[in-house]
Amino acid sequence: MAFIQVALKTSQDRIKVFNALKGQSVTGRPVRNLVLSTDQLKTIKEAGIPVYPVSANGKNDFRKKLDIDSVIKHHPD
């Protein structure tokens, strides 16, 4: 099982993620970035919540959404 760090743009998106993943453990700093498994990413995609790639310098670029399908393809369970 692979884990991917993702960024969320708004606080409403973070609330939607926690509601969609109710009962599942989520790792990371919930204020900014989350570490999600590929199964959790599938759940996020089904809920229609946009996620963004995390940058190394802490300044996330919210112009380009993360392609969840390609992440799942590269990291199958």
PDB file of N, CA and C in Angstrom:
ATOM      1  N   MET A   1       0.846  -1.169   0.000  1.00  0.00           N
ATOM      2  CA  MET A   1       0.000   0.000   0.000  1.00  0.00           C
ATOM      3  C   MET A   1       0.897   1.239   0.000  1.00  0.00           C
ATOM      4  N   ALA A   2       0.617   2.139  -0.893  1.00  0.00           N
ATOM      5  CA  ALA A   2       1.403   3.364  -1.027  1.00  0.00           C
ATOM      6  C   ALA A   2       0.702   4.517  -0.314  1.00  0.00           C
ATOM      7  N   PHE A   3       1.509   5.451   0.171  1.00  0.00           N
ATOM      8  CA  PHE A   3       0.992   6.655   0.800  1.00  0.00           C
ATOM      9  C   PHE A   3       1.508   7.858   0.033  1.00  0.00           C
ATOM     10  N   ILE A   4       0.622   8.819  -0.205  1.00  0.00           N
ATOM     11  CA  ILE A   4       0.948  10.002  -0.993  1.00  0.00           C
ATOM     12  C   ILE A   4       0.580  11.239  -0.173  1.00  0.00           C
ATOM     13  N   GLN A   5       1.486  12.211  -0.141  1.00  0.00           N
ATOM     14  CA  GLN A   5       1.203  13.461   0.553  1.00  0.00           C
ATOM     15  C   GLN A   5       0.520  14.408  -0.418  1.00  0.00           C
ATOM     16  N   VAL A   6      -0.606  14.959   0.002  1.00  0.00           N
ATOM     17  CA  VAL A   6      -1.375  15.864  -0.847  1.00  0.00           C
ATOM     18  C   VAL A   6      -1.672  17.150  -0.084  1.00  0.00           C
ATOM     19  N   ALA A   7      -1.945  18.199  -0.847  1.00  0.00           N
ATOM     20  CA  ALA A   7      -2.313  19.491  -0.270  1.00  0.00           C
ATOM     21  C   ALA A   7      -3.773  19.769  -0.589  1.00  0.00           C
ATOM     22  N   LEU A   8      -4.421  20.474   0.308  1.00  0.00           N
ATOM     23  CA  LEU A   8      -5.807  20.890   0.111  1.00  0.00           C
ATOM     24  C   LEU A   8      -5.849  22.411   0.122  1.00  0.00           C
ATOM     25  N   LYS A   9      -6.647  22.969  -0.770  1.00  0.00           N
ATOM     26  CA  LYS A   9      -6.620  24.416  -0.979  1.00  0.00           C
ATOM     27  C   LYS A   9      -7.382  25.185   0.103  1.00  0.00           C
ATOM     28  N   THR A  10      -8.565  24.745   0.430  1.00  0.00           N
ATOM     29  CA  THR A  10      -9.398  25.508   1.360  1.00  0.00           C
ATOM     30  C   THR A  10      -9.724  24.691   2.604  1.00  0.00           C
ATOM     31  N   SER A  11     -10.149  25.383   3.631  1.00  0.00           N
ATOM     32  CA  SER A  11     -10.555  24.685   4.849  1.00  0.00           C
ATOM     33  C   SER A  11     -11.821  23.871   4.608  1.00  0.00           C
ATOM     34  N   GLN A  12     -12.677  24.326   3.705  1.00  0.00           N
ATOM     35  CA  GLN A  12     -13.880  23.552   3.373  1.00  0.00           C
ATOM     36  C   GLN A  12     -13.513  22.224   2.731  1.00  0.00           C
ATOM     37  N   ASP A  13     -12.474  22.215   1.892  1.00  0.00           N
ATOM     38  CA  ASP A  13     -12.006  20.962   1.292  1.00  0.00           C
ATOM     39  C   ASP A  13     -11.490  20.012   2.369  1.00  0.00           C
ATOM     40  N   ARG A  14     -10.792  20.538   3.356  1.00  0.00           N
ATOM     41  CA  ARG A  14     -10.295  19.692   4.447  1.00  0.00           C
ATOM     42  C   ARG A  14     -11.449  19.077   5.230  1.00  0.00           C
ATOM     43  N   ILE A  15     -12.473  19.858   5.492  1.00  0.00           N
ATOM     44  CA  ILE A  15     -13.646  19.342   6.202  1.00  0.00           C
ATOM     45  C   ILE A  15     -14.316  18.250   5.380  1.00  0.00           C
ATOM     46  N   LYS A  16     -14.434  18.467   4.066  1.00  0.00           N
ATOM     47  CA  LYS A  16     -15.035  17.456   3.194  1.00  0.00           C
ATOM     48  C   LYS A  16     -14.225  16.165   3.197  1.00  0.00           C
ATOM     49  N   VAL A  17     -12.895  16.288   3.220  1.00  0.00           N
ATOM     50  CA  VAL A  17     -12.034  15.099   3.243  1.00  0.00           C
ATOM     51  C   VAL A  17     -12.258  14.315   4.526  1.00  0.00           C
ATOM     52  N   PHE A  18     -12.265  14.997   5.656  1.00  0.00           N
ATOM     53  CA  PHE A  18     -12.458  14.290   6.923  1.00  0.00           C
ATOM     54  C   PHE A  18     -13.849  13.672   7.009  1.00  0.00           C
ATOM     55  N   ASN A  19     -14.850  14.323   6.429  1.00  0.00           N
ATOM     56  CA  ASN A  19     -16.186  13.728   6.404  1.00  0.00           C
ATOM     57  C   ASN A  19     -16.230  12.510   5.489  1.00  0.00           C
ATOM     58  N   ALA A  20     -15.547  12.572   4.346  1.00  0.00           N
ATOM     59  CA  ALA A  20     -15.529  11.446   3.407  1.00  0.00           C
ATOM     60  C   ALA A  20     -14.754  10.264   3.977  1.00  0.00           C
ATOM     61  N   LEU A  21     -13.729  10.547   4.773  1.00  0.00           N
ATOM     62  CA  LEU A  21     -12.881   9.490   5.338  1.00  0.00           C
ATOM     63  C   LEU A  21     -13.227   9.193   6.791  1.00  0.00           C
ATOM     64  N   LYS A  22     -14.460   9.441   7.172  1.00  0.00           N
ATOM     65  CA  LYS A  22     -14.883   9.253   8.557  1.00  0.00           C
ATOM     66  C   LYS A  22     -14.575   7.830   9.018  1.00  0.00           C
ATOM     67  N   GLY A  23     -13.890   7.713  10.137  1.00  0.00           N
ATOM     68  CA  GLY A  23     -13.554   6.417  10.695  1.00  0.00           C
ATOM     69  C   GLY A  23     -12.219   5.864  10.232  1.00  0.00           C
ATOM     70  N   GLN A  24     -11.570   6.523   9.269  1.00  0.00           N
ATOM     71  CA  GLN A  24     -10.266   6.074   8.783  1.00  0.00           C
ATOM     72  C   GLN A  24      -9.179   6.967   9.374  1.00  0.00           C
ATOM     73  N   SER A  25      -8.005   6.393   9.584  1.00  0.00           N
ATOM     74  CA  SER A  25      -6.909   7.193  10.131  1.00  0.00           C
ATOM     75  C   SER A  25      -6.266   8.018   9.021  1.00  0.00           C
ATOM     76  N   VAL A  26      -5.969   9.263   9.335  1.00  0.00           N
ATOM     77  CA  VAL A  26      -5.343  10.189   8.392  1.00  0.00           C
ATOM     78  C   VAL A  26      -4.077  10.721   9.050  1.00  0.00           C
ATOM     79  N   THR A  27      -2.975  10.691   8.311  1.00  0.00           N
ATOM     80  CA  THR A  27      -1.685  11.130   8.830  1.00  0.00           C
ATOM     81  C   THR A  27      -1.337  12.488   8.234  1.00  0.00           C
ATOM     82  N   GLY A  28      -0.579  13.272   8.959  1.00  0.00           N
ATOM     83  CA  GLY A  28      -0.123  14.548   8.425  1.00  0.00           C
ATOM     84  C   GLY A  28      -0.605  15.707   9.265  1.00  0.00           C
ATOM     85  N   ARG A  29      -0.253  16.893   8.822  1.00  0.00           N
ATOM     86  CA  ARG A  29      -0.708  18.101   9.500  1.00  0.00           C
ATOM     87  C   ARG A  29      -2.038  18.492   8.887  1.00  0.00           C
ATOM     88  N   PRO A  30      -3.127  18.343   9.610  1.00  0.00           N
ATOM     89  CA  PRO A  30      -4.433  18.605   9.015  1.00  0.00           C
ATOM     90  C   PRO A  30      -4.663  20.056   8.615  1.00  0.00           C
ATOM     91  N   VAL A  31      -3.784  20.947   9.050  1.00  0.00           N
ATOM     92  CA  VAL A  31      -3.938  22.348   8.673  1.00  0.00           C
ATOM     93  C   VAL A  31      -3.576  22.561   7.213  1.00  0.00           C
ATOM     94  N   ARG A  32      -2.567  21.837   6.728  1.00  0.00           N
ATOM     95  CA  ARG A  32      -2.060  22.112   5.395  1.00  0.00           C
ATOM     96  C   ARG A  32      -2.031  20.892   4.485  1.00  0.00           C
ATOM     97  N   ASN A  33      -1.303  19.857   4.868  1.00  0.00           N
ATOM     98  CA  ASN A  33      -1.091  18.690   4.013  1.00  0.00           C
ATOM     99  C   ASN A  33      -1.539  17.420   4.726  1.00  0.00           C
ATOM    100  N   LEU A  34      -1.949  16.443   3.947  1.00  0.00           N
ATOM    101  CA  LEU A  34      -2.346  15.150   4.491  1.00  0.00           C
ATOM    102  C   LEU A  34      -1.596  14.046   3.771  1.00  0.00           C
ATOM    103  N   VAL A  35      -1.362  12.953   4.462  1.00  0.00           N
ATOM    104  CA  VAL A  35      -0.766  11.767   3.866  1.00  0.00           C
ATOM    105  C   VAL A  35      -1.877  10.735   3.762  1.00  0.00           C
ATOM    106  N   LEU A  36      -2.202  10.356   2.527  1.00  0.00           N
ATOM    107  CA  LEU A  36      -3.328   9.458   2.279  1.00  0.00           C
ATOM    108  C   LEU A  36      -2.866   8.207   1.554  1.00  0.00           C
ATOM    109  N   SER A  37      -3.546   7.104   1.812  1.00  0.00           N
ATOM    110  CA  SER A  37      -3.269   5.869   1.080  1.00  0.00           C
ATOM    111  C   SER A  37      -3.964   5.943  -0.278  1.00  0.00           C
ATOM    112  N   THR A  38      -3.625   5.020  -1.152  1.00  0.00           N
ATOM    113  CA  THR A  38      -4.255   5.014  -2.474  1.00  0.00           C
ATOM    114  C   THR A  38      -5.748   4.736  -2.361  1.00  0.00           C
ATOM    115  N   ASP A  39      -6.154   3.913  -1.398  1.00  0.00           N
ATOM    116  CA  ASP A  39      -7.585   3.662  -1.194  1.00  0.00           C
ATOM    117  C   ASP A  39      -8.302   4.934  -0.748  1.00  0.00           C
ATOM    118  N   GLN A  40      -7.664   5.703   0.110  1.00  0.00           N
ATOM    119  CA  GLN A  40      -8.255   6.959   0.556  1.00  0.00           C
ATOM    120  C   GLN A  40      -8.323   7.962  -0.589  1.00  0.00           C
ATOM    121  N   LEU A  41      -7.309   7.953  -1.467  1.00  0.00           N
ATOM    122  CA  LEU A  41      -7.347   8.838  -2.638  1.00  0.00           C
ATOM    123  C   LEU A  41      -8.518   8.495  -3.546  1.00  0.00           C
ATOM    124  N   LYS A  42      -8.804   7.202  -3.696  1.00  0.00           N
ATOM    125  CA  LYS A  42      -9.958   6.790  -4.502  1.00  0.00           C
ATOM    126  C   LYS A  42     -11.248   7.334  -3.903  1.00  0.00           C
ATOM    127  N   THR A  43     -11.363   7.274  -2.582  1.00  0.00           N
ATOM    128  CA  THR A  43     -12.545   7.805  -1.899  1.00  0.00           C
ATOM    129  C   THR A  43     -12.661   9.309  -2.114  1.00  0.00           C
ATOM    130  N   ILE A  44     -11.533  10.012  -2.045  1.00  0.00           N
ATOM    131  CA  ILE A  44     -11.512  11.465  -2.261  1.00  0.00           C
ATOM    132  C   ILE A  44     -11.950  11.788  -3.687  1.00  0.00           C
ATOM    133  N   LYS A  45     -11.474  11.002  -4.641  1.00  0.00           N
ATOM    134  CA  LYS A  45     -11.828  11.236  -6.039  1.00  0.00           C
ATOM    135  C   LYS A  45     -13.320  11.033  -6.254  1.00  0.00           C
ATOM    136  N   GLU A  46     -13.879   9.980  -5.655  1.00  0.00           N
ATOM    137  CA  GLU A  46     -15.311   9.716  -5.784  1.00  0.00           C
ATOM    138  C   GLU A  46     -16.144  10.831  -5.162  1.00  0.00           C
ATOM    139  N   ALA A  47     -15.624  11.452  -4.110  1.00  0.00           N
ATOM    140  CA  ALA A  47     -16.332  12.554  -3.462  1.00  0.00           C
ATOM    141  C   ALA A  47     -16.193  13.859  -4.240  1.00  0.00           C
ATOM    142  N   GLY A  48     -15.278  13.895  -5.216  1.00  0.00           N
ATOM    143  CA  GLY A  48     -15.109  15.088  -6.045  1.00  0.00           C
ATOM    144  C   GLY A  48     -14.338  16.213  -5.374  1.00  0.00           C
ATOM    145  N   ILE A  49     -13.478  15.879  -4.442  1.00  0.00           N
ATOM    146  CA  ILE A  49     -12.697  16.885  -3.720  1.00  0.00           C
ATOM    147  C   ILE A  49     -11.352  17.056  -4.422  1.00  0.00           C
ATOM    148  N   PRO A  50     -10.996  18.270  -4.835  1.00  0.00           N
ATOM    149  CA  PRO A  50      -9.716  18.470  -5.529  1.00  0.00           C
ATOM    150  C   PRO A  50      -8.536  18.416  -4.562  1.00  0.00           C
ATOM    151  N   VAL A  51      -7.488  17.718  -4.973  1.00  0.00           N
ATOM    152  CA  VAL A  51      -6.244  17.677  -4.202  1.00  0.00           C
ATOM    153  C   VAL A  51      -5.115  18.151  -5.101  1.00  0.00           C
ATOM    154  N   TYR A  52      -4.067  18.659  -4.491  1.00  0.00           N
ATOM    155  CA  TYR A  52      -2.969  19.275  -5.218  1.00  0.00           C
ATOM    156  C   TYR A  52      -1.649  18.658  -4.771  1.00  0.00           C
ATOM    157  N   PRO A  53      -0.635  18.663  -5.660  1.00  0.00           N
ATOM    158  CA  PRO A  53       0.672  18.137  -5.258  1.00  0.00           C
ATOM    159  C   PRO A  53       1.335  19.049  -4.225  1.00  0.00           C
ATOM    160  N   VAL A  54       2.159  18.455  -3.391  1.00  0.00           N
ATOM    161  CA  VAL A  54       2.865  19.193  -2.345  1.00  0.00           C
ATOM    162  C   VAL A  54       4.238  19.584  -2.867  1.00  0.00           C
ATOM    163  N   SER A  55       4.646  20.815  -2.587  1.00  0.00           N
ATOM    164  CA  SER A  55       5.974  21.252  -3.014  1.00  0.00           C
ATOM    165  C   SER A  55       6.973  21.057  -1.876  1.00  0.00           C
ATOM    166  N   ALA A  56       8.233  20.980  -2.236  1.00  0.00           N
ATOM    167  CA  ALA A  56       9.287  20.749  -1.248  1.00  0.00           C
ATOM    168  C   ALA A  56       9.538  21.970  -0.368  1.00  0.00           C
ATOM    169  N   ASN A  57       9.281  23.161  -0.889  1.00  0.00           N
ATOM    170  CA  ASN A  57       9.577  24.373  -0.123  1.00  0.00           C
ATOM    171  C   ASN A  57       8.405  24.846   0.733  1.00  0.00           C
ATOM    172  N   GLY A  58       7.307  24.104   0.743  1.00  0.00           N
ATOM    173  CA  GLY A  58       6.168  24.460   1.572  1.00  0.00           C
ATOM    174  C   GLY A  58       5.207  25.441   0.940  1.00  0.00           C
ATOM    175  N   LYS A  59       5.499  25.890  -0.278  1.00  0.00           N
ATOM    176  CA  LYS A  59       4.602  26.810  -0.976  1.00  0.00           C
ATOM    177  C   LYS A  59       3.920  26.035  -2.092  1.00  0.00           C
ATOM    178  N   ASN A  60       2.769  25.500  -1.788  1.00  0.00           N
ATOM    179  CA  ASN A  60       2.057  24.646  -2.731  1.00  0.00           C
ATOM    180  C   ASN A  60       1.515  25.451  -3.902  1.00  0.00           C
ATOM    181  N   ASP A  61       1.564  24.850  -5.075  1.00  0.00           N
ATOM    182  CA  ASP A  61       1.041  25.473  -6.288  1.00  0.00           C
ATOM    183  C   ASP A  61      -0.372  24.941  -6.506  1.00  0.00           C
ATOM    184  N   PHE A  62      -1.364  25.789  -6.275  1.00  0.00           N
ATOM    185  CA  PHE A  62      -2.748  25.358  -6.371  1.00  0.00           C
ATOM    186  C   PHE A  62      -3.332  25.563  -7.766  1.00  0.00           C
ATOM    187  N   ARG A  63      -2.479  25.782  -8.760  1.00  0.00           N
ATOM    188  CA  ARG A  63      -2.977  25.937 -10.129  1.00  0.00           C
ATOM    189  C   ARG A  63      -3.094  24.602 -10.844  1.00  0.00           C
ATOM    190  N   LYS A  64      -2.344  23.606 -10.390  1.00  0.00           N
ATOM    191  CA  LYS A  64      -2.337  22.305 -11.058  1.00  0.00           C
ATOM    192  C   LYS A  64      -2.854  21.237 -10.101  1.00  0.00           C
ATOM    193  N   LYS A  65      -3.984  20.625 -10.446  1.00  0.00           N
ATOM    194  CA  LYS A  65      -4.545  19.569  -9.612  1.00  0.00           C
ATOM    195  C   LYS A  65      -3.748  18.284  -9.781  1.00  0.00           C
ATOM    196  N   LEU A  66      -3.752  17.485  -8.747  1.00  0.00           N
ATOM    197  CA  LEU A  66      -3.079  16.194  -8.773  1.00  0.00           C
ATOM    198  C   LEU A  66      -3.922  15.212  -9.576  1.00  0.00           C
ATOM    199  N   ASP A  67      -3.301  14.512 -10.514  1.00  0.00           N
ATOM    200  CA  ASP A  67      -3.997  13.503 -11.314  1.00  0.00           C
ATOM    201  C   ASP A  67      -4.031  12.204 -10.508  1.00  0.00           C
ATOM    202  N   ILE A  68      -5.136  11.969  -9.838  1.00  0.00           N
ATOM    203  CA  ILE A  68      -5.260  10.821  -8.943  1.00  0.00           C
ATOM    204  C   ILE A  68      -5.169   9.512  -9.707  1.00  0.00           C
ATOM    205  N   ASP A  69      -5.712   9.464 -10.919  1.00  0.00           N
ATOM    206  CA  ASP A  69      -5.662   8.227 -11.708  1.00  0.00           C
ATOM    207  C   ASP A  69      -4.229   7.801 -11.998  1.00  0.00           C
ATOM    208  N   SER A  70      -3.366   8.753 -12.346  1.00  0.00           N
ATOM    209  CA  SER A  70      -1.975   8.395 -12.636  1.00  0.00           C
ATOM    210  C   SER A  70      -1.234   7.973 -11.369  1.00  0.00           C
ATOM    211  N   VAL A  71      -1.564   8.565 -10.239  1.00  0.00           N
ATOM    212  CA  VAL A  71      -0.941   8.171  -8.975  1.00  0.00           C
ATOM    213  C   VAL A  71      -1.325   6.734  -8.637  1.00  0.00           C
ATOM    214  N   ILE A  72      -2.592   6.407  -8.802  1.00  0.00           N
ATOM    215  CA  ILE A  72      -3.060   5.051  -8.506  1.00  0.00           C
ATOM    216  C   ILE A  72      -2.449   4.053  -9.483  1.00  0.00           C
ATOM    217  N   LYS A  73      -2.285   4.460 -10.735  1.00  0.00           N
ATOM    218  CA  LYS A  73      -1.685   3.570 -11.731  1.00  0.00           C
ATOM    219  C   LYS A  73      -0.219   3.276 -11.395  1.00  0.00           C
ATOM    220  N   HIS A  74       0.515   4.283 -10.915  1.00  0.00           N
ATOM    221  CA  HIS A  74       1.929   4.097 -10.578  1.00  0.00           C
ATOM    222  C   HIS A  74       2.126   3.352  -9.259  1.00  0.00           C
ATOM    223  N   HIS A  75       1.129   3.400  -8.390  1.00  0.00           N
ATOM    224  CA  HIS A  75       1.241   2.772  -7.069  1.00  0.00           C
ATOM    225  C   HIS A  75       0.048   1.856  -6.813  1.00  0.00           C
ATOM    226  N   PRO A  76      -0.068   0.754  -7.554  1.00  0.00           N
ATOM    227  CA  PRO A  76      -1.201  -0.151  -7.308  1.00  0.00           C
ATOM    228  C   PRO A  76      -1.044  -0.850  -5.957  1.00  0.00           C
ATOM    229  N   ASP A  77      -2.153  -1.272  -5.411  1.00  0.00           N
ATOM    230  CA  ASP A  77      -2.117  -1.969  -4.104  1.00  0.00           C
ATOM    231  C   ASP A  77      -1.497  -3.330  -4.223  1.00  0.00           C
TER     232      ASP A  77
END
